[in-house]
Each structure stands twice: as C-alpha cells, then as structure tokens.
Amino acid sequence: MRIWLSGGAGQWRIKLHVQPGASRTAVQGEYDGCLKLAVAAPPIDGRANDAILGWFAKRLGVPRSALRIATGASGRRKTLMVEADVAAEVFAGLVGPV
C-alpha cells in the first residue's frame, strides 16, 4: 500500500498535496508522503476543493457524496476521505505501478 493511502474497504484516507491553478487536473506523482495533485481550478470560493472531489469521484467510480475533505480544506495539504468499497489496487492505479 502507498504511504499516502491508509484505511480499508469502506473507509479510505488519502493524504494530498494540492497545486491549484494548474493547466489541467492530473496526478503529478508522490511528494513528501502525499499524493501530489495538480488542480486546474483556482483556490477561490472552494472551487479547487470541488474540482478535487469531482476528479476523484470520476477516477474511482464512486458517487461524489462518498467523498469529503476531512482536513486541510483551506491549505495545500489535505486529507480526502473515501467512504466507499474501493479496492486498494484502484488507488495504486492513480500513479502507476510501485
């Protein structure tokens, strides 16, 4: 399991390092124990957080309501909670093979 991923089926935690205002939303690899995510939306009025939730919902195949930002809503370091049955392999596929 990746260092930025913890928990288990039904209750996952993803540590994120977010770079808002990028040209497109995409995983940039791992950074300092976190999954680094470039986000196209600006960090204004929660738009970057909304983009993060939408991006993960689409990639993980879960409803957006199964996701929430548990900590760091106003900073670059965030903890994303995924409250859905998702296999660990799906998360590993976000950044490629180990």
PDB file of N, CA and C in Angstrom:
ATOM      1  N   MET A   1       0.845  -1.180   0.000  1.00  0.00           N
ATOM      2  CA  MET A   1       0.000   0.000   0.000  1.00  0.00           C
ATOM      3  C   MET A   1       0.894   1.250   0.000  1.00  0.00           C
ATOM      4  N   ARG A   2       0.452   2.267  -0.676  1.00  0.00           N
ATOM      5  CA  ARG A   2       1.201   3.520  -0.762  1.00  0.00           C
ATOM      6  C   ARG A   2       1.193   4.255   0.576  1.00  0.00           C
ATOM      7  N   ILE A   3       2.210   5.067   0.824  1.00  0.00           N
ATOM      8  CA  ILE A   3       2.324   5.792   2.094  1.00  0.00           C
ATOM      9  C   ILE A   3       1.202   6.825   2.254  1.00  0.00           C
ATOM     10  N   TRP A   4       0.681   7.337   1.149  1.00  0.00           N
ATOM     11  CA  TRP A   4      -0.358   8.364   1.205  1.00  0.00           C
ATOM     12  C   TRP A   4      -1.762   7.775   1.353  1.00  0.00           C
ATOM     13  N   LEU A   5      -1.863   6.450   1.341  1.00  0.00           N
ATOM     14  CA  LEU A   5      -3.159   5.766   1.437  1.00  0.00           C
ATOM     15  C   LEU A   5      -3.221   4.960   2.723  1.00  0.00           C
ATOM     16  N   SER A   6      -4.306   5.121   3.477  1.00  0.00           N
ATOM     17  CA  SER A   6      -4.499   4.317   4.682  1.00  0.00           C
ATOM     18  C   SER A   6      -5.977   3.983   4.817  1.00  0.00           C
ATOM     19  N   GLY A   7      -6.261   3.051   5.709  1.00  0.00           N
ATOM     20  CA  GLY A   7      -7.643   2.632   5.927  1.00  0.00           C
ATOM     21  C   GLY A   7      -7.897   1.287   5.295  1.00  0.00           C
ATOM     22  N   GLY A   8      -9.147   1.073   4.921  1.00  0.00           N
ATOM     23  CA  GLY A   8      -9.549  -0.185   4.315  1.00  0.00           C
ATOM     24  C   GLY A   8     -10.863  -0.011   3.597  1.00  0.00           C
ATOM     25  N   ALA A   9     -11.364  -1.100   3.034  1.00  0.00           N
ATOM     26  CA  ALA A   9     -12.600  -1.058   2.255  1.00  0.00           C
ATOM     27  C   ALA A   9     -13.713  -0.357   3.029  1.00  0.00           C
ATOM     28  N   GLY A  10     -14.284   0.623   2.398  1.00  0.00           N
ATOM     29  CA  GLY A  10     -15.380   1.362   3.015  1.00  0.00           C
ATOM     30  C   GLY A  10     -14.948   2.619   3.739  1.00  0.00           C
ATOM     31  N   GLN A  11     -13.661   2.763   4.061  1.00  0.00           N
ATOM     32  CA  GLN A  11     -13.178   3.930   4.817  1.00  0.00           C
ATOM     33  C   GLN A  11     -11.699   4.163   4.493  1.00  0.00           C
ATOM     34  N   TRP A  12     -11.412   4.832   3.382  1.00  0.00           N
ATOM     35  CA  TRP A  12     -10.046   5.127   2.972  1.00  0.00           C
ATOM     36  C   TRP A  12      -9.690   6.569   3.277  1.00  0.00           C
ATOM     37  N   ARG A  13      -8.410   6.818   3.544  1.00  0.00           N
ATOM     38  CA  ARG A  13      -7.884   8.174   3.733  1.00  0.00           C
ATOM     39  C   ARG A  13      -6.726   8.372   2.752  1.00  0.00           C
ATOM     40  N   ILE A  14      -6.789   9.465   2.025  1.00  0.00           N
ATOM     41  CA  ILE A  14      -5.734   9.799   1.077  1.00  0.00           C
ATOM     42  C   ILE A  14      -5.128  11.127   1.496  1.00  0.00           C
ATOM     43  N   LYS A  15      -3.808  11.122   1.730  1.00  0.00           N
ATOM     44  CA  LYS A  15      -3.104  12.369   2.032  1.00  0.00           C
ATOM     45  C   LYS A  15      -2.729  13.023   0.707  1.00  0.00           C
ATOM     46  N   LEU A  16      -3.130  14.282   0.533  1.00  0.00           N
ATOM     47  CA  LEU A  16      -2.891  15.005  -0.712  1.00  0.00           C
ATOM     48  C   LEU A  16      -2.008  16.223  -0.506  1.00  0.00           C
ATOM     49  N   HIS A  17      -1.205  16.503  -1.508  1.00  0.00           N
ATOM     50  CA  HIS A  17      -0.521  17.789  -1.630  1.00  0.00           C
ATOM     51  C   HIS A  17      -1.066  18.369  -2.929  1.00  0.00           C
ATOM     52  N   VAL A  18      -1.779  19.499  -2.837  1.00  0.00           N
ATOM     53  CA  VAL A  18      -2.511  20.046  -3.971  1.00  0.00           C
ATOM     54  C   VAL A  18      -1.812  21.282  -4.518  1.00  0.00           C
ATOM     55  N   GLN A  19      -1.769  21.366  -5.834  1.00  0.00           N
ATOM     56  CA  GLN A  19      -1.231  22.532  -6.536  1.00  0.00           C
ATOM     57  C   GLN A  19      -2.377  23.131  -7.358  1.00  0.00           C
ATOM     58  N   PRO A  20      -3.092  24.125  -6.818  1.00  0.00           N
ATOM     59  CA  PRO A  20      -4.215  24.716  -7.549  1.00  0.00           C
ATOM     60  C   PRO A  20      -3.746  25.635  -8.674  1.00  0.00           C
ATOM     61  N   GLY A  21      -4.649  25.910  -9.617  1.00  0.00           N
ATOM     62  CA  GLY A  21      -4.345  26.828 -10.702  1.00  0.00           C
ATOM     63  C   GLY A  21      -3.475  26.239 -11.797  1.00  0.00           C
ATOM     64  N   ALA A  22      -3.396  24.930 -11.895  1.00  0.00           N
ATOM     65  CA  ALA A  22      -2.589  24.270 -12.926  1.00  0.00           C
ATOM     66  C   ALA A  22      -3.311  24.322 -14.272  1.00  0.00           C
ATOM     67  N   SER A  23      -2.625  23.958 -15.327  1.00  0.00           N
ATOM     68  CA  SER A  23      -3.247  23.979 -16.650  1.00  0.00           C
ATOM     69  C   SER A  23      -4.273  22.861 -16.816  1.00  0.00           C
ATOM     70  N   ARG A  24      -4.105  21.757 -16.078  1.00  0.00           N
ATOM     71  CA  ARG A  24      -5.087  20.664 -16.104  1.00  0.00           C
ATOM     72  C   ARG A  24      -4.995  19.888 -14.796  1.00  0.00           C
ATOM     73  N   THR A  25      -6.044  19.166 -14.470  1.00  0.00           N
ATOM     74  CA  THR A  25      -6.070  18.373 -13.248  1.00  0.00           C
ATOM     75  C   THR A  25      -5.469  17.005 -13.542  1.00  0.00           C
ATOM     76  N   ALA A  26      -4.413  16.656 -12.798  1.00  0.00           N
ATOM     77  CA  ALA A  26      -3.727  15.380 -13.014  1.00  0.00           C
ATOM     78  C   ALA A  26      -2.830  15.073 -11.829  1.00  0.00           C
ATOM     79  N   VAL A  27      -2.608  13.790 -11.600  1.00  0.00           N
ATOM     80  CA  VAL A  27      -1.659  13.353 -10.578  1.00  0.00           C
ATOM     81  C   VAL A  27      -0.253  13.657 -11.072  1.00  0.00           C
ATOM     82  N   GLN A  28       0.550  14.231 -10.196  1.00  0.00           N
ATOM     83  CA  GLN A  28       1.924  14.593 -10.523  1.00  0.00           C
ATOM     84  C   GLN A  28       2.931  13.664  -9.842  1.00  0.00           C
ATOM     85  N   GLY A  29       2.443  12.580  -9.242  1.00  0.00           N
ATOM     86  CA  GLY A  29       3.317  11.629  -8.558  1.00  0.00           C
ATOM     87  C   GLY A  29       3.137  11.706  -7.062  1.00  0.00           C
ATOM     88  N   GLU A  30       4.191  11.392  -6.349  1.00  0.00           N
ATOM     89  CA  GLU A  30       4.169  11.432  -4.890  1.00  0.00           C
ATOM     90  C   GLU A  30       5.112  12.518  -4.417  1.00  0.00           C
ATOM     91  N   TYR A  31       4.730  13.167  -3.317  1.00  0.00           N
ATOM     92  CA  TYR A  31       5.548  14.245  -2.782  1.00  0.00           C
ATOM     93  C   TYR A  31       5.438  14.264  -1.267  1.00  0.00           C
ATOM     94  N   ASP A  32       6.539  14.066  -0.583  1.00  0.00           N
ATOM     95  CA  ASP A  32       6.609  14.174   0.872  1.00  0.00           C
ATOM     96  C   ASP A  32       5.522  13.365   1.583  1.00  0.00           C
ATOM     97  N   GLY A  33       5.351  12.117   1.172  1.00  0.00           N
ATOM     98  CA  GLY A  33       4.376  11.231   1.809  1.00  0.00           C
ATOM     99  C   GLY A  33       2.936  11.457   1.384  1.00  0.00           C
ATOM    100  N   CYS A  34       2.735  12.270   0.353  1.00  0.00           N
ATOM    101  CA  CYS A  34       1.385  12.592  -0.125  1.00  0.00           C
ATOM    102  C   CYS A  34       1.275  12.275  -1.616  1.00  0.00           C
ATOM    103  N   LEU A  35       0.057  12.125  -2.078  1.00  0.00           N
ATOM    104  CA  LEU A  35      -0.228  12.062  -3.498  1.00  0.00           C
ATOM    105  C   LEU A  35      -0.301  13.505  -3.986  1.00  0.00           C
ATOM    106  N   LYS A  36       0.548  13.864  -4.950  1.00  0.00           N
ATOM    107  CA  LYS A  36       0.557  15.247  -5.439  1.00  0.00           C
ATOM    108  C   LYS A  36      -0.429  15.367  -6.595  1.00  0.00           C
ATOM    109  N   LEU A  37      -1.354  16.324  -6.467  1.00  0.00           N
ATOM    110  CA  LEU A  37      -2.399  16.514  -7.459  1.00  0.00           C
ATOM    111  C   LEU A  37      -2.405  17.959  -7.928  1.00  0.00           C
ATOM    112  N   ALA A  38      -2.171  18.158  -9.220  1.00  0.00           N
ATOM    113  CA  ALA A  38      -2.315  19.476  -9.823  1.00  0.00           C
ATOM    114  C   ALA A  38      -3.791  19.657 -10.154  1.00  0.00           C
ATOM    115  N   VAL A  39      -4.359  20.804  -9.787  1.00  0.00           N
ATOM    116  CA  VAL A  39      -5.783  21.050  -9.979  1.00  0.00           C
ATOM    117  C   VAL A  39      -5.963  22.283 -10.854  1.00  0.00           C
ATOM    118  N   ALA A  40      -6.771  22.160 -11.907  1.00  0.00           N
ATOM    119  CA  ALA A  40      -6.970  23.258 -12.850  1.00  0.00           C
ATOM    120  C   ALA A  40      -7.755  24.411 -12.238  1.00  0.00           C
ATOM    121  N   ALA A  41      -8.578  24.146 -11.263  1.00  0.00           N
ATOM    122  CA  ALA A  41      -9.407  25.195 -10.663  1.00  0.00           C
ATOM    123  C   ALA A  41      -8.584  26.081  -9.726  1.00  0.00           C
ATOM    124  N   PRO A  42      -8.961  27.346  -9.618  1.00  0.00           N
ATOM    125  CA  PRO A  42      -8.258  28.240  -8.693  1.00  0.00           C
ATOM    126  C   PRO A  42      -8.714  28.010  -7.258  1.00  0.00           C
ATOM    127  N   PRO A  43      -7.891  28.407  -6.288  1.00  0.00           N
ATOM    128  CA  PRO A  43      -8.263  28.213  -4.876  1.00  0.00           C
ATOM    129  C   PRO A  43      -9.162  29.343  -4.366  1.00  0.00           C
ATOM    130  N   ILE A  44     -10.231  29.607  -5.082  1.00  0.00           N
ATOM    131  CA  ILE A  44     -11.149  30.688  -4.734  1.00  0.00           C
ATOM    132  C   ILE A  44     -12.537  30.100  -4.509  1.00  0.00           C
ATOM    133  N   ASP A  45     -13.162  30.485  -3.393  1.00  0.00           N
ATOM    134  CA  ASP A  45     -14.536  30.066  -3.074  1.00  0.00           C
ATOM    135  C   ASP A  45     -14.734  28.552  -3.121  1.00  0.00           C
ATOM    136  N   GLY A  46     -13.708  27.790  -2.762  1.00  0.00           N
ATOM    137  CA  GLY A  46     -13.830  26.337  -2.699  1.00  0.00           C
ATOM    138  C   GLY A  46     -13.828  25.636  -4.050  1.00  0.00           C
ATOM    139  N   ARG A  47     -13.509  26.357  -5.116  1.00  0.00           N
ATOM    140  CA  ARG A  47     -13.545  25.742  -6.453  1.00  0.00           C
ATOM    141  C   ARG A  47     -12.503  24.642  -6.612  1.00  0.00           C
ATOM    142  N   ALA A  48     -11.318  24.820  -6.038  1.00  0.00           N
ATOM    143  CA  ALA A  48     -10.295  23.768  -6.133  1.00  0.00           C
ATOM    144  C   ALA A  48     -10.752  22.513  -5.383  1.00  0.00           C
ATOM    145  N   ASN A  49     -11.355  22.684  -4.217  1.00  0.00           N
ATOM    146  CA  ASN A  49     -11.849  21.526  -3.463  1.00  0.00           C
ATOM    147  C   ASN A  49     -12.961  20.810  -4.228  1.00  0.00           C
ATOM    148  N   ASP A  50     -13.857  21.566  -4.857  1.00  0.00           N
ATOM    149  CA  ASP A  50     -14.907  20.943  -5.667  1.00  0.00           C
ATOM    150  C   ASP A  50     -14.312  20.150  -6.821  1.00  0.00           C
ATOM    151  N   ALA A  51     -13.279  20.704  -7.446  1.00  0.00           N
ATOM    152  CA  ALA A  51     -12.621  20.015  -8.557  1.00  0.00           C
ATOM    153  C   ALA A  51     -11.956  18.723  -8.078  1.00  0.00           C
ATOM    154  N   ILE A  52     -11.359  18.757  -6.903  1.00  0.00           N
ATOM    155  CA  ILE A  52     -10.725  17.561  -6.337  1.00  0.00           C
ATOM    156  C   ILE A  52     -11.766  16.466  -6.132  1.00  0.00           C
ATOM    157  N   LEU A  53     -12.875  16.814  -5.519  1.00  0.00           N
ATOM    158  CA  LEU A  53     -13.924  15.824  -5.255  1.00  0.00           C
ATOM    159  C   LEU A  53     -14.471  15.247  -6.555  1.00  0.00           C
ATOM    160  N   GLY A  54     -14.719  16.089  -7.533  1.00  0.00           N
ATOM    161  CA  GLY A  54     -15.233  15.621  -8.819  1.00  0.00           C
ATOM    162  C   GLY A  54     -14.242  14.729  -9.549  1.00  0.00           C
ATOM    163  N   TRP A  55     -12.967  15.102  -9.516  1.00  0.00           N
ATOM    164  CA  TRP A  55     -11.937  14.325 -10.195  1.00  0.00           C
ATOM    165  C   TRP A  55     -11.816  12.930  -9.580  1.00  0.00           C
ATOM    166  N   PHE A  56     -11.752  12.868  -8.244  1.00  0.00           N
ATOM    167  CA  PHE A  56     -11.636  11.565  -7.579  1.00  0.00           C
ATOM    168  C   PHE A  56     -12.894  10.722  -7.764  1.00  0.00           C
ATOM    169  N   ALA A  57     -14.067  11.334  -7.715  1.00  0.00           N
ATOM    170  CA  ALA A  57     -15.308  10.574  -7.919  1.00  0.00           C
ATOM    171  C   ALA A  57     -15.296   9.892  -9.278  1.00  0.00           C
ATOM    172  N   LYS A  58     -14.873  10.621 -10.302  1.00  0.00           N
ATOM    173  CA  LYS A  58     -14.820  10.057 -11.655  1.00  0.00           C
ATOM    174  C   LYS A  58     -13.775   8.952 -11.750  1.00  0.00           C
ATOM    175  N   ARG A  59     -12.566   9.181 -11.240  1.00  0.00           N
ATOM    176  CA  ARG A  59     -11.484   8.199 -11.346  1.00  0.00           C
ATOM    177  C   ARG A  59     -11.758   6.934 -10.541  1.00  0.00           C
ATOM    178  N   LEU A  60     -12.393   7.084  -9.381  1.00  0.00           N
ATOM    179  CA  LEU A  60     -12.642   5.931  -8.513  1.00  0.00           C
ATOM    180  C   LEU A  60     -13.968   5.247  -8.807  1.00  0.00           C
ATOM    181  N   GLY A  61     -14.826   5.891  -9.596  1.00  0.00           N
ATOM    182  CA  GLY A  61     -16.127   5.310  -9.922  1.00  0.00           C
ATOM    183  C   GLY A  61     -17.071   5.269  -8.738  1.00  0.00           C
ATOM    184  N   VAL A  62     -17.013   6.295  -7.905  1.00  0.00           N
ATOM    185  CA  VAL A  62     -17.890   6.373  -6.738  1.00  0.00           C
ATOM    186  C   VAL A  62     -18.704   7.657  -6.819  1.00  0.00           C
ATOM    187  N   PRO A  63     -19.848   7.705  -6.134  1.00  0.00           N
ATOM    188  CA  PRO A  63     -20.600   8.954  -6.115  1.00  0.00           C
ATOM    189  C   PRO A  63     -19.842  10.033  -5.356  1.00  0.00           C
ATOM    190  N   ARG A  64     -20.014  11.252  -5.780  1.00  0.00           N
ATOM    191  CA  ARG A  64     -19.335  12.378  -5.133  1.00  0.00           C
ATOM    192  C   ARG A  64     -19.698  12.464  -3.644  1.00  0.00           C
ATOM    193  N   SER A  65     -20.885  12.023  -3.294  1.00  0.00           N
ATOM    194  CA  SER A  65     -21.318  12.058  -1.899  1.00  0.00           C
ATOM    195  C   SER A  65     -20.513  11.112  -1.009  1.00  0.00           C
ATOM    196  N   ALA A  66     -19.757  10.190  -1.607  1.00  0.00           N
ATOM    197  CA  ALA A  66     -18.919   9.251  -0.844  1.00  0.00           C
ATOM    198  C   ALA A  66     -17.562   9.859  -0.507  1.00  0.00           C
ATOM    199  N   LEU A  67     -17.315  11.096  -0.958  1.00  0.00           N
ATOM    200  CA  LEU A  67     -16.035  11.758  -0.750  1.00  0.00           C
ATOM    201  C   LEU A  67     -16.214  13.021   0.072  1.00  0.00           C
ATOM    202  N   ARG A  68     -15.200  13.305   0.901  1.00  0.00           N
ATOM    203  CA  ARG A  68     -15.201  14.583   1.629  1.00  0.00           C
ATOM    204  C   ARG A  68     -13.771  14.925   2.007  1.00  0.00           C
ATOM    205  N   ILE A  69     -13.515  16.214   2.097  1.00  0.00           N
ATOM    206  CA  ILE A  69     -12.212  16.669   2.553  1.00  0.00           C
ATOM    207  C   ILE A  69     -12.286  16.788   4.065  1.00  0.00           C
ATOM    208  N   ALA A  70     -11.576  15.897   4.753  1.00  0.00           N
ATOM    209  CA  ALA A  70     -11.662  15.817   6.206  1.00  0.00           C
ATOM    210  C   ALA A  70     -10.801  16.871   6.891  1.00  0.00           C
ATOM    211  N   THR A  71      -9.617  17.125   6.354  1.00  0.00           N
ATOM    212  CA  THR A  71      -8.734  18.138   6.941  1.00  0.00           C
ATOM    213  C   THR A  71      -8.065  18.925   5.823  1.00  0.00           C
ATOM    214  N   GLY A  72      -7.701  20.166   6.126  1.00  0.00           N
ATOM    215  CA  GLY A  72      -6.935  20.977   5.199  1.00  0.00           C
ATOM    216  C   GLY A  72      -7.718  21.625   4.093  1.00  0.00           C
ATOM    217  N   ALA A  73      -8.993  21.891   4.297  1.00  0.00           N
ATOM    218  CA  ALA A  73      -9.833  22.452   3.237  1.00  0.00           C
ATOM    219  C   ALA A  73      -9.292  23.768   2.687  1.00  0.00           C
ATOM    220  N   SER A  74      -8.566  24.541   3.502  1.00  0.00           N
ATOM    221  CA  SER A  74      -8.073  25.827   3.030  1.00  0.00           C
ATOM    222  C   SER A  74      -6.565  25.832   2.746  1.00  0.00           C
ATOM    223  N   GLY A  75      -5.936  24.660   2.790  1.00  0.00           N
ATOM    224  CA  GLY A  75      -4.490  24.590   2.560  1.00  0.00           C
ATOM    225  C   GLY A  75      -4.135  23.656   1.424  1.00  0.00           C
ATOM    226  N   ARG A  76      -2.848  23.553   1.163  1.00  0.00           N
ATOM    227  CA  ARG A  76      -2.367  22.643   0.117  1.00  0.00           C
ATOM    228  C   ARG A  76      -2.357  21.191   0.580  1.00  0.00           C
ATOM    229  N   ARG A  77      -2.149  20.967   1.874  1.00  0.00           N
ATOM    230  CA  ARG A  77      -2.162  19.616   2.447  1.00  0.00           C
ATOM    231  C   ARG A  77      -3.577  19.282   2.873  1.00  0.00           C
ATOM    232  N   LYS A  78      -4.097  18.198   2.344  1.00  0.00           N
ATOM    233  CA  LYS A  78      -5.472  17.804   2.631  1.00  0.00           C
ATOM    234  C   LYS A  78      -5.535  16.317   2.932  1.00  0.00           C
ATOM    235  N   THR A  79      -6.573  15.928   3.640  1.00  0.00           N
ATOM    236  CA  THR A  79      -6.885  14.511   3.800  1.00  0.00           C
ATOM    237  C   THR A  79      -8.252  14.288   3.186  1.00  0.00           C
ATOM    238  N   LEU A  80      -8.293  13.432   2.184  1.00  0.00           N
ATOM    239  CA  LEU A  80      -9.532  13.100   1.497  1.00  0.00           C
ATOM    240  C   LEU A  80     -10.058  11.790   2.056  1.00  0.00           C
ATOM    241  N   MET A  81     -11.297  11.781   2.478  1.00  0.00           N
ATOM    242  CA  MET A  81     -11.947  10.561   2.968  1.00  0.00           C
ATOM    243  C   MET A  81     -12.785   9.969   1.840  1.00  0.00           C
ATOM    244  N   VAL A  82     -12.627   8.670   1.624  1.00  0.00           N
ATOM    245  CA  VAL A  82     -13.409   7.940   0.627  1.00  0.00           C
ATOM    246  C   VAL A  82     -14.218   6.909   1.384  1.00  0.00           C
ATOM    247  N   GLU A  83     -15.511   7.130   1.482  1.00  0.00           N
ATOM    248  CA  GLU A  83     -16.385   6.222   2.222  1.00  0.00           C
ATOM    249  C   GLU A  83     -17.164   5.369   1.234  1.00  0.00           C
ATOM    250  N   ALA A  84     -16.428   4.427   0.604  1.00  0.00           N
ATOM    251  CA  ALA A  84     -16.999   3.529  -0.388  1.00  0.00           C
ATOM    252  C   ALA A  84     -16.113   2.296  -0.494  1.00  0.00           C
ATOM    253  N   ASP A  85     -16.685   1.212  -0.974  1.00  0.00           N
ATOM    254  CA  ASP A  85     -15.916  -0.013  -1.172  1.00  0.00           C
ATOM    255  C   ASP A  85     -15.122   0.111  -2.469  1.00  0.00           C
ATOM    256  N   VAL A  86     -13.854   0.440  -2.315  1.00  0.00           N
ATOM    257  CA  VAL A  86     -12.940   0.575  -3.444  1.00  0.00           C
ATOM    258  C   VAL A  86     -11.719  -0.278  -3.128  1.00  0.00           C
ATOM    259  N   ALA A  87     -11.286  -1.069  -4.092  1.00  0.00           N
ATOM    260  CA  ALA A  87     -10.111  -1.920  -3.884  1.00  0.00           C
ATOM    261  C   ALA A  87      -8.841  -1.077  -3.872  1.00  0.00           C
ATOM    262  N   ALA A  88      -7.869  -1.478  -3.076  1.00  0.00           N
ATOM    263  CA  ALA A  88      -6.597  -0.754  -2.966  1.00  0.00           C
ATOM    264  C   ALA A  88      -5.896  -0.648  -4.314  1.00  0.00           C
ATOM    265  N   GLU A  89      -6.090  -1.625  -5.179  1.00  0.00           N
ATOM    266  CA  GLU A  89      -5.460  -1.597  -6.498  1.00  0.00           C
ATOM    267  C   GLU A  89      -5.935  -0.416  -7.328  1.00  0.00           C
ATOM    268  N   VAL A  90      -7.170   0.008  -7.120  1.00  0.00           N
ATOM    269  CA  VAL A  90      -7.709   1.158  -7.854  1.00  0.00           C
ATOM    270  C   VAL A  90      -6.923   2.408  -7.490  1.00  0.00           C
ATOM    271  N   PHE A  91      -6.612   2.585  -6.208  1.00  0.00           N
ATOM    272  CA  PHE A  91      -5.828   3.743  -5.777  1.00  0.00           C
ATOM    273  C   PHE A  91      -4.415   3.679  -6.327  1.00  0.00           C
ATOM    274  N   ALA A  92      -3.818   2.492  -6.308  1.00  0.00           N
ATOM    275  CA  ALA A  92      -2.456   2.338  -6.820  1.00  0.00           C
ATOM    276  C   ALA A  92      -2.392   2.715  -8.289  1.00  0.00           C
ATOM    277  N   GLY A  93      -3.463   2.492  -9.027  1.00  0.00           N
ATOM    278  CA  GLY A  93      -3.509   2.834 -10.427  1.00  0.00           C
ATOM    279  C   GLY A  93      -3.509   4.326 -10.705  1.00  0.00           C
ATOM    280  N   LEU A  94      -3.711   5.141  -9.676  1.00  0.00           N
ATOM    281  CA  LEU A  94      -3.693   6.594  -9.867  1.00  0.00           C
ATOM    282  C   LEU A  94      -2.308   7.094 -10.236  1.00  0.00           C
ATOM    283  N   VAL A  95      -1.260   6.420  -9.762  1.00  0.00           N
ATOM    284  CA  VAL A  95       0.112   6.873 -10.024  1.00  0.00           C
ATOM    285  C   VAL A  95       0.949   5.827 -10.750  1.00  0.00           C
ATOM    286  N   GLY A  96       0.389   4.717 -11.088  1.00  0.00           N
ATOM    287  CA  GLY A  96       1.144   3.694 -11.802  1.00  0.00           C
ATOM    288  C   GLY A  96       1.708   2.640 -10.865  1.00  0.00           C
ATOM    289  N   PRO A  97       2.449   1.691 -11.416  1.00  0.00           N
ATOM    290  CA  PRO A  97       2.979   0.580 -10.606  1.00  0.00           C
ATOM    291  C   PRO A  97       4.001   1.054  -9.582  1.00  0.00           C
ATOM    292  N   VAL A  98       4.119   0.259  -8.524  1.00  0.00           N
ATOM    293  CA  VAL A  98       5.074   0.575  -7.442  1.00  0.00           C
ATOM    294  C   VAL A  98       6.488   0.417  -7.927  1.00  0.00           C
TER     295      VAL A  98
END
